């Protein structure tokens, strides 16, 4: 499951807004492998707790981030 979690700027932004990851991950351009793994694990843990598919969450986070949809309203 961890390998199916692509992490890009859009996914990081949405995860940060939702409180899944800390803002420290937003300011870095090049994340280390351990930082990427930490983000992936945080997504998977949160999705498992909420009974949401991590793959579908990742796809939705990318879509929302890419198209600039304000999901906080």
PDB file of N, CA and C in Angstrom:
ATOM      1  N   UNK A   1       0.825  -1.195   0.000  1.00  0.00           N
ATOM      2  CA  UNK A   1       0.000   0.000   0.000  1.00  0.00           C
ATOM      3  C   UNK A   1       0.870   1.259   0.000  1.00  0.00           C
ATOM      4  N   UNK A   2       1.974   1.233   0.693  1.00  0.00           N
ATOM      5  CA  UNK A   2       2.836   2.415   0.790  1.00  0.00           C
ATOM      6  C   UNK A   2       3.356   2.840  -0.575  1.00  0.00           C
ATOM      7  N   UNK A   3       3.621   1.891  -1.453  1.00  0.00           N
ATOM      8  CA  UNK A   3       4.201   2.222  -2.752  1.00  0.00           C
ATOM      9  C   UNK A   3       3.179   2.812  -3.712  1.00  0.00           C
ATOM     10  N   UNK A   4       1.907   2.714  -3.381  1.00  0.00           N
ATOM     11  CA  UNK A   4       0.866   3.271  -4.246  1.00  0.00           C
ATOM     12  C   UNK A   4       0.470   4.680  -3.824  1.00  0.00           C
ATOM     13  N   UNK A   5       1.270   5.309  -2.979  1.00  0.00           N
ATOM     14  CA  UNK A   5       0.977   6.650  -2.492  1.00  0.00           C
ATOM     15  C   UNK A   5       1.952   7.664  -3.090  1.00  0.00           C
ATOM     16  N   UNK A   6       1.675   8.168  -4.301  1.00  0.00           N
ATOM     17  CA  UNK A   6       2.546   9.211  -4.829  1.00  0.00           C
ATOM     18  C   UNK A   6       2.339  10.496  -4.029  1.00  0.00           C
ATOM     19  N   UNK A   7       3.431  11.126  -3.666  1.00  0.00           N
ATOM     20  CA  UNK A   7       3.369  12.337  -2.856  1.00  0.00           C
ATOM     21  C   UNK A   7       3.924  13.498  -3.673  1.00  0.00           C
ATOM     22  N   UNK A   8       3.050  14.426  -4.022  1.00  0.00           N
ATOM     23  CA  UNK A   8       3.494  15.622  -4.731  1.00  0.00           C
ATOM     24  C   UNK A   8       3.045  16.844  -3.939  1.00  0.00           C
ATOM     25  N   UNK A   9       3.263  18.000  -4.495  1.00  0.00           N
ATOM     26  CA  UNK A   9       2.945  19.230  -3.774  1.00  0.00           C
ATOM     27  C   UNK A   9       1.460  19.348  -3.450  1.00  0.00           C
ATOM     28  N   UNK A  10       0.605  18.872  -4.357  1.00  0.00           N
ATOM     29  CA  UNK A  10      -0.838  18.974  -4.133  1.00  0.00           C
ATOM     30  C   UNK A  10      -1.275  18.093  -2.979  1.00  0.00           C
ATOM     31  N   UNK A  11      -0.783  16.875  -2.963  1.00  0.00           N
ATOM     32  CA  UNK A  11      -1.135  15.942  -1.892  1.00  0.00           C
ATOM     33  C   UNK A  11      -0.617  16.468  -0.556  1.00  0.00           C
ATOM     34  N   UNK A  12       0.606  16.998  -0.561  1.00  0.00           N
ATOM     35  CA  UNK A  12       1.161  17.556   0.685  1.00  0.00           C
ATOM     36  C   UNK A  12       0.329  18.731   1.183  1.00  0.00           C
ATOM     37  N   UNK A  13      -0.107  19.600   0.292  1.00  0.00           N
ATOM     38  CA  UNK A  13      -0.898  20.757   0.707  1.00  0.00           C
ATOM     39  C   UNK A  13      -2.216  20.336   1.342  1.00  0.00           C
ATOM     40  N   UNK A  14      -2.900  19.401   0.720  1.00  0.00           N
ATOM     41  CA  UNK A  14      -4.183  18.945   1.251  1.00  0.00           C
ATOM     42  C   UNK A  14      -3.978  18.221   2.586  1.00  0.00           C
ATOM     43  N   UNK A  15      -2.962  17.377   2.661  1.00  0.00           N
ATOM     44  CA  UNK A  15      -2.684  16.662   3.915  1.00  0.00           C
ATOM     45  C   UNK A  15      -2.358  17.628   5.043  1.00  0.00           C
ATOM     46  N   UNK A  16      -1.660  18.688   4.726  1.00  0.00           N
ATOM     47  CA  UNK A  16      -1.333  19.687   5.738  1.00  0.00           C
ATOM     48  C   UNK A  16      -2.598  20.417   6.194  1.00  0.00           C
ATOM     49  N   UNK A  17      -3.449  20.816   5.248  1.00  0.00           N
ATOM     50  CA  UNK A  17      -4.692  21.513   5.594  1.00  0.00           C
ATOM     51  C   UNK A  17      -5.599  20.655   6.459  1.00  0.00           C
ATOM     52  N   UNK A  18      -5.562  19.345   6.229  1.00  0.00           N
ATOM     53  CA  UNK A  18      -6.393  18.422   7.005  1.00  0.00           C
ATOM     54  C   UNK A  18      -5.744  18.013   8.329  1.00  0.00           C
ATOM     55  N   UNK A  19      -4.500  18.407   8.524  1.00  0.00           N
ATOM     56  CA  UNK A  19      -3.812  18.065   9.767  1.00  0.00           C
ATOM     57  C   UNK A  19      -3.222  16.669   9.787  1.00  0.00           C
ATOM     58  N   UNK A  20      -3.116  16.050   8.626  1.00  0.00           N
ATOM     59  CA  UNK A  20      -2.531  14.705   8.542  1.00  0.00           C
ATOM     60  C   UNK A  20      -1.020  14.777   8.692  1.00  0.00           C
ATOM     61  N   UNK A  21      -0.425  15.833   8.148  1.00  0.00           N
ATOM     62  CA  UNK A  21       1.021  16.044   8.270  1.00  0.00           C
ATOM     63  C   UNK A  21       1.272  17.457   8.775  1.00  0.00           C
ATOM     64  N   UNK A  22       2.462  17.690   9.303  1.00  0.00           N
ATOM     65  CA  UNK A  22       2.798  19.025   9.793  1.00  0.00           C
ATOM     66  C   UNK A  22       3.233  19.917   8.631  1.00  0.00           C
ATOM     67  N   UNK A  23       3.184  21.214   8.873  1.00  0.00           N
ATOM     68  CA  UNK A  23       3.539  22.185   7.836  1.00  0.00           C
ATOM     69  C   UNK A  23       5.013  22.139   7.457  1.00  0.00           C
ATOM     70  N   UNK A  24       5.832  21.511   8.283  1.00  0.00           N
ATOM     71  CA  UNK A  24       7.263  21.446   7.958  1.00  0.00           C
ATOM     72  C   UNK A  24       7.508  20.751   6.622  1.00  0.00           C
ATOM     73  N   UNK A  25       6.590  19.885   6.214  1.00  0.00           N
ATOM     74  CA  UNK A  25       6.748  19.167   4.955  1.00  0.00           C
ATOM     75  C   UNK A  25       6.406  20.028   3.745  1.00  0.00           C
ATOM     76  N   UNK A  26       5.762  21.169   3.959  1.00  0.00           N
ATOM     77  CA  UNK A  26       5.381  22.034   2.839  1.00  0.00           C
ATOM     78  C   UNK A  26       6.522  22.915   2.361  1.00  0.00           C
ATOM     79  N   UNK A  27       7.419  23.271   3.249  1.00  0.00           N
ATOM     80  CA  UNK A  27       8.453  24.242   2.903  1.00  0.00           C
ATOM     81  C   UNK A  27       9.663  23.626   2.208  1.00  0.00           C
ATOM     82  N   UNK A  28       9.822  22.330   2.339  1.00  0.00           N
ATOM     83  CA  UNK A  28      10.982  21.670   1.730  1.00  0.00           C
ATOM     84  C   UNK A  28      10.706  21.314   0.277  1.00  0.00           C
ATOM     85  N   UNK A  29      11.676  21.577  -0.576  1.00  0.00           N
ATOM     86  CA  UNK A  29      11.541  21.228  -1.994  1.00  0.00           C
ATOM     87  C   UNK A  29      11.797  19.745  -2.234  1.00  0.00           C
ATOM     88  N   UNK A  30      12.903  19.255  -1.703  1.00  0.00           N
ATOM     89  CA  UNK A  30      13.289  17.860  -1.928  1.00  0.00           C
ATOM     90  C   UNK A  30      13.220  17.100  -0.614  1.00  0.00           C
ATOM     91  N   UNK A  31      12.205  16.271  -0.513  1.00  0.00           N
ATOM     92  CA  UNK A  31      12.032  15.476   0.701  1.00  0.00           C
ATOM     93  C   UNK A  31      12.904  14.235   0.646  1.00  0.00           C
ATOM     94  N   UNK A  32      13.411  13.831   1.792  1.00  0.00           N
ATOM     95  CA  UNK A  32      14.208  12.609   1.856  1.00  0.00           C
ATOM     96  C   UNK A  32      13.278  11.401   1.772  1.00  0.00           C
ATOM     97  N   UNK A  33      13.854  10.246   1.553  1.00  0.00           N
ATOM     98  CA  UNK A  33      13.055   9.017   1.490  1.00  0.00           C
ATOM     99  C   UNK A  33      12.336   8.771   2.804  1.00  0.00           C
ATOM    100  N   UNK A  34      12.994   9.066   3.911  1.00  0.00           N
ATOM    101  CA  UNK A  34      12.359   8.850   5.217  1.00  0.00           C
ATOM    102  C   UNK A  34      11.208   9.840   5.441  1.00  0.00           C
ATOM    103  N   UNK A  35      11.335  11.063   4.943  1.00  0.00           N
ATOM    104  CA  UNK A  35      10.246  12.035   5.063  1.00  0.00           C
ATOM    105  C   UNK A  35       9.060  11.629   4.200  1.00  0.00           C
ATOM    106  N   UNK A  36       9.320  11.165   2.995  1.00  0.00           N
ATOM    107  CA  UNK A  36       8.238  10.672   2.134  1.00  0.00           C
ATOM    108  C   UNK A  36       7.531   9.487   2.769  1.00  0.00           C
ATOM    109  N   UNK A  37       8.309   8.595   3.358  1.00  0.00           N
ATOM    110  CA  UNK A  37       7.734   7.432   4.032  1.00  0.00           C
ATOM    111  C   UNK A  37       6.860   7.874   5.203  1.00  0.00           C
ATOM    112  N   UNK A  38       7.308   8.864   5.946  1.00  0.00           N
ATOM    113  CA  UNK A  38       6.530   9.380   7.070  1.00  0.00           C
ATOM    114  C   UNK A  38       5.184   9.939   6.600  1.00  0.00           C
ATOM    115  N   UNK A  39       5.196  10.665   5.496  1.00  0.00           N
ATOM    116  CA  UNK A  39       3.951  11.207   4.942  1.00  0.00           C
ATOM    117  C   UNK A  39       3.033  10.077   4.495  1.00  0.00           C
ATOM    118  N   UNK A  40       3.576   9.136   3.775  1.00  0.00           N
ATOM    119  CA  UNK A  40       2.779   8.003   3.286  1.00  0.00           C
ATOM    120  C   UNK A  40       2.150   7.237   4.441  1.00  0.00           C
ATOM    121  N   UNK A  41       2.927   6.988   5.473  1.00  0.00           N
ATOM    122  CA  UNK A  41       2.410   6.254   6.631  1.00  0.00           C
ATOM    123  C   UNK A  41       1.316   7.047   7.338  1.00  0.00           C
ATOM    124  N   UNK A  42       1.476   8.360   7.419  1.00  0.00           N
ATOM    125  CA  UNK A  42       0.462   9.198   8.053  1.00  0.00           C
ATOM    126  C   UNK A  42      -0.847   9.151   7.264  1.00  0.00           C
ATOM    127  N   UNK A  43      -0.756   9.189   5.946  1.00  0.00           N
ATOM    128  CA  UNK A  43      -1.951   9.090   5.104  1.00  0.00           C
ATOM    129  C   UNK A  43      -2.641   7.752   5.320  1.00  0.00           C
ATOM    130  N   UNK A  44      -1.871   6.692   5.278  1.00  0.00           N
ATOM    131  CA  UNK A  44      -2.443   5.353   5.416  1.00  0.00           C
ATOM    132  C   UNK A  44      -3.074   5.160   6.792  1.00  0.00           C
ATOM    133  N   UNK A  45      -2.392   5.600   7.860  1.00  0.00           N
ATOM    134  CA  UNK A  45      -2.952   5.470   9.216  1.00  0.00           C
ATOM    135  C   UNK A  45      -4.266   6.232   9.340  1.00  0.00           C
ATOM    136  N   UNK A  46      -4.287   7.454   8.829  1.00  0.00           N
ATOM    137  CA  UNK A  46      -5.500   8.273   8.910  1.00  0.00           C
ATOM    138  C   UNK A  46      -6.636   7.638   8.126  1.00  0.00           C
ATOM    139  N   UNK A  47      -6.341   7.173   6.934  1.00  0.00           N
ATOM    140  CA  UNK A  47      -7.374   6.539   6.109  1.00  0.00           C
ATOM    141  C   UNK A  47      -7.895   5.252   6.736  1.00  0.00           C
ATOM    142  N   UNK A  48      -7.011   4.466   7.307  1.00  0.00           N
ATOM    143  CA  UNK A  48      -7.455   3.237   7.965  1.00  0.00           C
ATOM    144  C   UNK A  48      -8.359   3.553   9.150  1.00  0.00           C
ATOM    145  N   UNK A  49      -7.989   4.575   9.915  1.00  0.00           N
ATOM    146  CA  UNK A  49      -8.790   4.965  11.079  1.00  0.00           C
ATOM    147  C   UNK A  49     -10.179   5.431  10.648  1.00  0.00           C
ATOM    148  N   UNK A  50     -10.258   6.135   9.515  1.00  0.00           N
ATOM    149  CA  UNK A  50     -11.528   6.666   9.027  1.00  0.00           C
ATOM    150  C   UNK A  50     -12.240   5.734   8.053  1.00  0.00           C
ATOM    151  N   UNK A  51     -11.620   4.569   7.800  1.00  0.00           N
ATOM    152  CA  UNK A  51     -12.191   3.580   6.879  1.00  0.00           C
ATOM    153  C   UNK A  51     -12.400   4.155   5.473  1.00  0.00           C
ATOM    154  N   UNK A  52     -11.345   4.822   4.996  1.00  0.00           N
ATOM    155  CA  UNK A  52     -11.329   5.415   3.658  1.00  0.00           C
ATOM    156  C   UNK A  52     -10.183   4.772   2.886  1.00  0.00           C
ATOM    157  N   UNK A  53     -10.380   4.511   1.618  1.00  0.00           N
ATOM    158  CA  UNK A  53      -9.323   3.958   0.787  1.00  0.00           C
ATOM    159  C   UNK A  53      -8.179   4.965   0.663  1.00  0.00           C
ATOM    160  N   UNK A  54      -6.949   4.607   1.073  1.00  0.00           N
ATOM    161  CA  UNK A  54      -5.823   5.525   0.921  1.00  0.00           C
ATOM    162  C   UNK A  54      -5.561   5.897  -0.540  1.00  0.00           C
ATOM    163  N   UNK A  55      -5.800   4.974  -1.436  1.00  0.00           N
ATOM    164  CA  UNK A  55      -5.580   5.243  -2.856  1.00  0.00           C
ATOM    165  C   UNK A  55      -6.586   6.284  -3.353  1.00  0.00           C
ATOM    166  N   UNK A  56      -7.849   6.109  -2.984  1.00  0.00           N
ATOM    167  CA  UNK A  56      -8.865   7.080  -3.393  1.00  0.00           C
ATOM    168  C   UNK A  56      -8.629   8.433  -2.725  1.00  0.00           C
ATOM    169  N   UNK A  57      -8.182   8.412  -1.462  1.00  0.00           N
ATOM    170  CA  UNK A  57      -7.867   9.673  -0.798  1.00  0.00           C
ATOM    171  C   UNK A  57      -6.769  10.400  -1.562  1.00  0.00           C
ATOM    172  N   UNK A  58      -5.725   9.685  -1.925  1.00  0.00           N
ATOM    173  CA  UNK A  58      -4.600  10.293  -2.624  1.00  0.00           C
ATOM    174  C   UNK A  58      -5.060  10.896  -3.947  1.00  0.00           C
ATOM    175  N   UNK A  59      -5.888  10.167  -4.676  1.00  0.00           N
ATOM    176  CA  UNK A  59      -6.404  10.679  -5.946  1.00  0.00           C
ATOM    177  C   UNK A  59      -7.242  11.938  -5.727  1.00  0.00           C
ATOM    178  N   UNK A  60      -8.085  11.911  -4.715  1.00  0.00           N
ATOM    179  CA  UNK A  60      -8.923  13.065  -4.417  1.00  0.00           C
ATOM    180  C   UNK A  60      -8.108  14.262  -3.953  1.00  0.00           C
ATOM    181  N   UNK A  61      -7.099  14.014  -3.128  1.00  0.00           N
ATOM    182  CA  UNK A  61      -6.249  15.102  -2.637  1.00  0.00           C
ATOM    183  C   UNK A  61      -5.529  15.767  -3.799  1.00  0.00           C
ATOM    184  N   UNK A  62      -5.028  14.960  -4.713  1.00  0.00           N
ATOM    185  CA  UNK A  62      -4.351  15.531  -5.890  1.00  0.00           C
ATOM    186  C   UNK A  62      -5.336  16.384  -6.700  1.00  0.00           C
ATOM    187  N   UNK A  63      -6.516  15.847  -6.961  1.00  0.00           N
ATOM    188  CA  UNK A  63      -7.518  16.544  -7.766  1.00  0.00           C
ATOM    189  C   UNK A  63      -7.904  17.876  -7.124  1.00  0.00           C
ATOM    190  N   UNK A  64      -8.198  17.839  -5.839  1.00  0.00           N
ATOM    191  CA  UNK A  64      -8.591  19.057  -5.119  1.00  0.00           C
ATOM    192  C   UNK A  64      -7.463  20.078  -5.139  1.00  0.00           C
ATOM    193  N   UNK A  65      -6.241  19.619  -4.887  1.00  0.00           N
ATOM    194  CA  UNK A  65      -5.097  20.521  -4.887  1.00  0.00           C
ATOM    195  C   UNK A  65      -4.808  21.099  -6.253  1.00  0.00           C
ATOM    196  N   UNK A  66      -4.822  20.255  -7.268  1.00  0.00           N
ATOM    197  CA  UNK A  66      -4.502  20.696  -8.628  1.00  0.00           C
ATOM    198  C   UNK A  66      -5.496  21.735  -9.136  1.00  0.00           C
ATOM    199  N   UNK A  67      -6.777  21.485  -8.885  1.00  0.00           N
ATOM    200  CA  UNK A  67      -7.801  22.384  -9.391  1.00  0.00           C
ATOM    201  C   UNK A  67      -8.140  23.507  -8.420  1.00  0.00           C
ATOM    202  N   UNK A  68      -7.466  23.565  -7.293  1.00  0.00           N
ATOM    203  CA  UNK A  68      -7.654  24.668  -6.350  1.00  0.00           C
ATOM    204  C   UNK A  68      -9.030  24.734  -5.748  1.00  0.00           C
ATOM    205  N   UNK A  69      -9.631  23.585  -5.532  1.00  0.00           N
ATOM    206  CA  UNK A  69     -10.980  23.543  -4.958  1.00  0.00           C
ATOM    207  C   UNK A  69     -10.904  23.841  -3.465  1.00  0.00           C
ATOM    208  N   UNK A  70     -11.719  24.759  -3.001  1.00  0.00           N
ATOM    209  CA  UNK A  70     -11.759  25.105  -1.583  1.00  0.00           C
ATOM    210  C   UNK A  70     -12.719  24.159  -0.885  1.00  0.00           C
ATOM    211  N   UNK A  71     -12.202  23.166  -0.214  1.00  0.00           N
ATOM    212  CA  UNK A  71     -13.025  22.163   0.441  1.00  0.00           C
ATOM    213  C   UNK A  71     -13.342  22.538   1.882  1.00  0.00           C
ATOM    214  N   UNK A  72     -12.921  23.703   2.327  1.00  0.00           N
ATOM    215  CA  UNK A  72     -13.122  24.098   3.722  1.00  0.00           C
ATOM    216  C   UNK A  72     -14.447  24.828   3.951  1.00  0.00           C
ATOM    217  N   UNK A  73     -15.179  25.080   2.905  1.00  0.00           N
ATOM    218  CA  UNK A  73     -16.456  25.811   3.050  1.00  0.00           C
ATOM    219  C   UNK A  73     -17.550  24.902   3.532  1.00  0.00           C
TER     220      UNK A  73
END
